[in-house]
């Protein structure tokens, strides 16, 4: 996960589909959730941030939802928070 810690996508895609989805957020051309993109484009940055944080605070969120929230945090300028959150999620999944 050192690439994610540096804010980049891993060179090799993780075998686990959940981890692969989260890792893709750190690819420059990685997927973005359209609902967040629209909110941000309309100037609703606070709403996008709150939605992202609410999604990340729910345990058991789907990988696509988590990836969308992490991508939104990156787009809002919270790069470090997105990286640290992604690492915490991925590492906690390994310990289960």
C-alpha atoms as a PDB file:
ATOM      1  CA  UNK A   1       0.000   0.000   0.000  1.00  0.00           C
ATOM      2  CA  UNK A   2       3.001   2.299  -0.210  1.00  0.00           C
ATOM      3  CA  UNK A   3       1.733   3.720  -3.512  1.00  0.00           C
ATOM      4  CA  UNK A   4      -1.567   4.740  -1.908  1.00  0.00           C
ATOM      5  CA  UNK A   5       0.356   6.301   0.978  1.00  0.00           C
ATOM      6  CA  UNK A   6       2.119   8.410  -1.665  1.00  0.00           C
ATOM      7  CA  UNK A   7      -1.184   9.279  -3.345  1.00  0.00           C
ATOM      8  CA  UNK A   8      -0.730   7.015  -6.350  1.00  0.00           C
ATOM      9  CA  UNK A   9      -2.423   3.890  -7.635  1.00  0.00           C
ATOM     10  CA  UNK A  10      -0.497   0.661  -7.051  1.00  0.00           C
ATOM     11  CA  UNK A  11       1.432  -0.600 -10.091  1.00  0.00           C
ATOM     12  CA  UNK A  12      -0.255  -3.969  -9.778  1.00  0.00           C
ATOM     13  CA  UNK A  13      -3.975  -4.302  -9.187  1.00  0.00           C
ATOM     14  CA  UNK A  14      -4.800  -6.028  -5.883  1.00  0.00           C
ATOM     15  CA  UNK A  15      -6.405  -9.473  -6.192  1.00  0.00           C
ATOM     16  CA  UNK A  16      -9.237  -8.587  -3.832  1.00  0.00           C
ATOM     17  CA  UNK A  17     -12.012  -6.770  -5.773  1.00  0.00           C
ATOM     18  CA  UNK A  18     -12.756  -4.446  -2.833  1.00  0.00           C
ATOM     19  CA  UNK A  19      -9.104  -3.411  -2.561  1.00  0.00           C
ATOM     20  CA  UNK A  20      -8.838  -3.015  -6.333  1.00  0.00           C
ATOM     21  CA  UNK A  21     -11.828  -0.647  -6.365  1.00  0.00           C
ATOM     22  CA  UNK A  22     -10.387   1.465  -3.546  1.00  0.00           C
ATOM     23  CA  UNK A  23      -6.935   1.507  -5.159  1.00  0.00           C
ATOM     24  CA  UNK A  24      -8.356   2.728  -8.483  1.00  0.00           C
ATOM     25  CA  UNK A  25      -9.333   6.009  -6.810  1.00  0.00           C
ATOM     26  CA  UNK A  26      -5.651   6.938  -6.733  1.00  0.00           C
ATOM     27  CA  UNK A  27      -5.200   6.473 -10.481  1.00  0.00           C
ATOM     28  CA  UNK A  28      -5.145   9.857 -12.247  1.00  0.00           C
ATOM     29  CA  UNK A  29      -7.870   8.586 -14.582  1.00  0.00           C
ATOM     30  CA  UNK A  30      -9.660   6.687 -11.846  1.00  0.00           C
ATOM     31  CA  UNK A  31     -13.433   6.569 -11.646  1.00  0.00           C
ATOM     32  CA  UNK A  32     -15.387   9.363  -9.982  1.00  0.00           C
ATOM     33  CA  UNK A  33     -18.928   9.192  -8.633  1.00  0.00           C
ATOM     34  CA  UNK A  34     -21.098  11.470 -10.749  1.00  0.00           C
ATOM     35  CA  UNK A  35     -23.226  12.600  -7.804  1.00  0.00           C
ATOM     36  CA  UNK A  36     -20.155  14.040  -6.067  1.00  0.00           C
ATOM     37  CA  UNK A  37     -18.822  15.536  -9.291  1.00  0.00           C
ATOM     38  CA  UNK A  38     -22.135  17.308  -9.862  1.00  0.00           C
ATOM     39  CA  UNK A  39     -22.312  18.645  -6.303  1.00  0.00           C
ATOM     40  CA  UNK A  40     -18.776  19.988  -6.509  1.00  0.00           C
ATOM     41  CA  UNK A  41     -19.363  21.541  -9.943  1.00  0.00           C
ATOM     42  CA  UNK A  42     -22.461  23.326  -8.608  1.00  0.00           C
ATOM     43  CA  UNK A  43     -20.422  24.758  -5.719  1.00  0.00           C
ATOM     44  CA  UNK A  44     -21.957  22.477  -3.096  1.00  0.00           C
ATOM     45  CA  UNK A  45     -18.597  21.522  -1.685  1.00  0.00           C
ATOM     46  CA  UNK A  46     -19.789  21.293   1.913  1.00  0.00           C
ATOM     47  CA  UNK A  47     -22.637  18.990   0.961  1.00  0.00           C
ATOM     48  CA  UNK A  48     -20.243  16.772  -1.007  1.00  0.00           C
ATOM     49  CA  UNK A  49     -17.834  16.629   1.931  1.00  0.00           C
ATOM     50  CA  UNK A  50     -20.585  15.750   4.407  1.00  0.00           C
ATOM     51  CA  UNK A  51     -21.981  13.055   2.109  1.00  0.00           C
ATOM     52  CA  UNK A  52     -18.490  11.570   1.663  1.00  0.00           C
ATOM     53  CA  UNK A  53     -17.819  11.554   5.399  1.00  0.00           C
ATOM     54  CA  UNK A  54     -21.222  10.007   6.129  1.00  0.00           C
ATOM     55  CA  UNK A  55     -20.530   7.252   3.625  1.00  0.00           C
ATOM     56  CA  UNK A  56     -17.113   6.542   5.086  1.00  0.00           C
ATOM     57  CA  UNK A  57     -18.489   6.446   8.630  1.00  0.00           C
ATOM     58  CA  UNK A  58     -20.948   3.660   7.802  1.00  0.00           C
ATOM     59  CA  UNK A  59     -19.492   0.237   8.360  1.00  0.00           C
ATOM     60  CA  UNK A  60     -20.152  -2.222   5.607  1.00  0.00           C
ATOM     61  CA  UNK A  61     -20.342   0.356   2.826  1.00  0.00           C
ATOM     62  CA  UNK A  62     -19.947  -1.089  -0.665  1.00  0.00           C
ATOM     63  CA  UNK A  63     -16.566  -0.654  -2.345  1.00  0.00           C
ATOM     64  CA  UNK A  64     -18.014   1.604  -5.068  1.00  0.00           C
ATOM     65  CA  UNK A  65     -19.568   3.875  -2.428  1.00  0.00           C
ATOM     66  CA  UNK A  66     -16.317   4.067  -0.472  1.00  0.00           C
ATOM     67  CA  UNK A  67     -14.348   4.738  -3.666  1.00  0.00           C
ATOM     68  CA  UNK A  68     -16.764   7.514  -4.620  1.00  0.00           C
ATOM     69  CA  UNK A  69     -16.402   9.122  -1.207  1.00  0.00           C
ATOM     70  CA  UNK A  70     -12.607   8.887  -1.293  1.00  0.00           C
ATOM     71  CA  UNK A  71     -12.533  10.342  -4.804  1.00  0.00           C
ATOM     72  CA  UNK A  72     -14.715  13.218  -3.658  1.00  0.00           C
ATOM     73  CA  UNK A  73     -12.364  13.954  -0.767  1.00  0.00           C
ATOM     74  CA  UNK A  74      -9.460  14.057  -3.211  1.00  0.00           C
ATOM     75  CA  UNK A  75     -11.379  16.333  -5.574  1.00  0.00           C
ATOM     76  CA  UNK A  76     -12.199  18.640  -2.659  1.00  0.00           C
ATOM     77  CA  UNK A  77      -8.525  18.960  -1.757  1.00  0.00           C
ATOM     78  CA  UNK A  78      -8.477  16.535   1.166  1.00  0.00           C
ATOM     79  CA  UNK A  79      -5.798  14.335  -0.395  1.00  0.00           C
ATOM     80  CA  UNK A  80      -4.118  13.384   2.873  1.00  0.00           C
ATOM     81  CA  UNK A  81      -7.437  12.488   4.495  1.00  0.00           C
ATOM     82  CA  UNK A  82      -8.375  10.335   1.498  1.00  0.00           C
ATOM     83  CA  UNK A  83      -5.033   8.517   1.581  1.00  0.00           C
ATOM     84  CA  UNK A  84      -5.109   7.908   5.322  1.00  0.00           C
ATOM     85  CA  UNK A  85      -8.723   6.754   5.243  1.00  0.00           C
ATOM     86  CA  UNK A  86      -8.106   4.402   2.323  1.00  0.00           C
ATOM     87  CA  UNK A  87      -5.110   2.888   4.087  1.00  0.00           C
ATOM     88  CA  UNK A  88      -7.054   2.462   7.331  1.00  0.00           C
ATOM     89  CA  UNK A  89      -9.906   0.740   5.500  1.00  0.00           C
ATOM     90  CA  UNK A  90      -7.633  -1.557   3.503  1.00  0.00           C
ATOM     91  CA  UNK A  91      -5.464  -2.485   6.475  1.00  0.00           C
ATOM     92  CA  UNK A  92      -8.469  -3.147   8.696  1.00  0.00           C
ATOM     93  CA  UNK A  93      -9.877  -5.506   6.066  1.00  0.00           C
ATOM     94  CA  UNK A  94      -6.621  -7.488   6.079  1.00  0.00           C
ATOM     95  CA  UNK A  95      -6.744  -8.038   9.818  1.00  0.00           C
ATOM     96  CA  UNK A  96     -10.201  -9.638   9.665  1.00  0.00           C
END
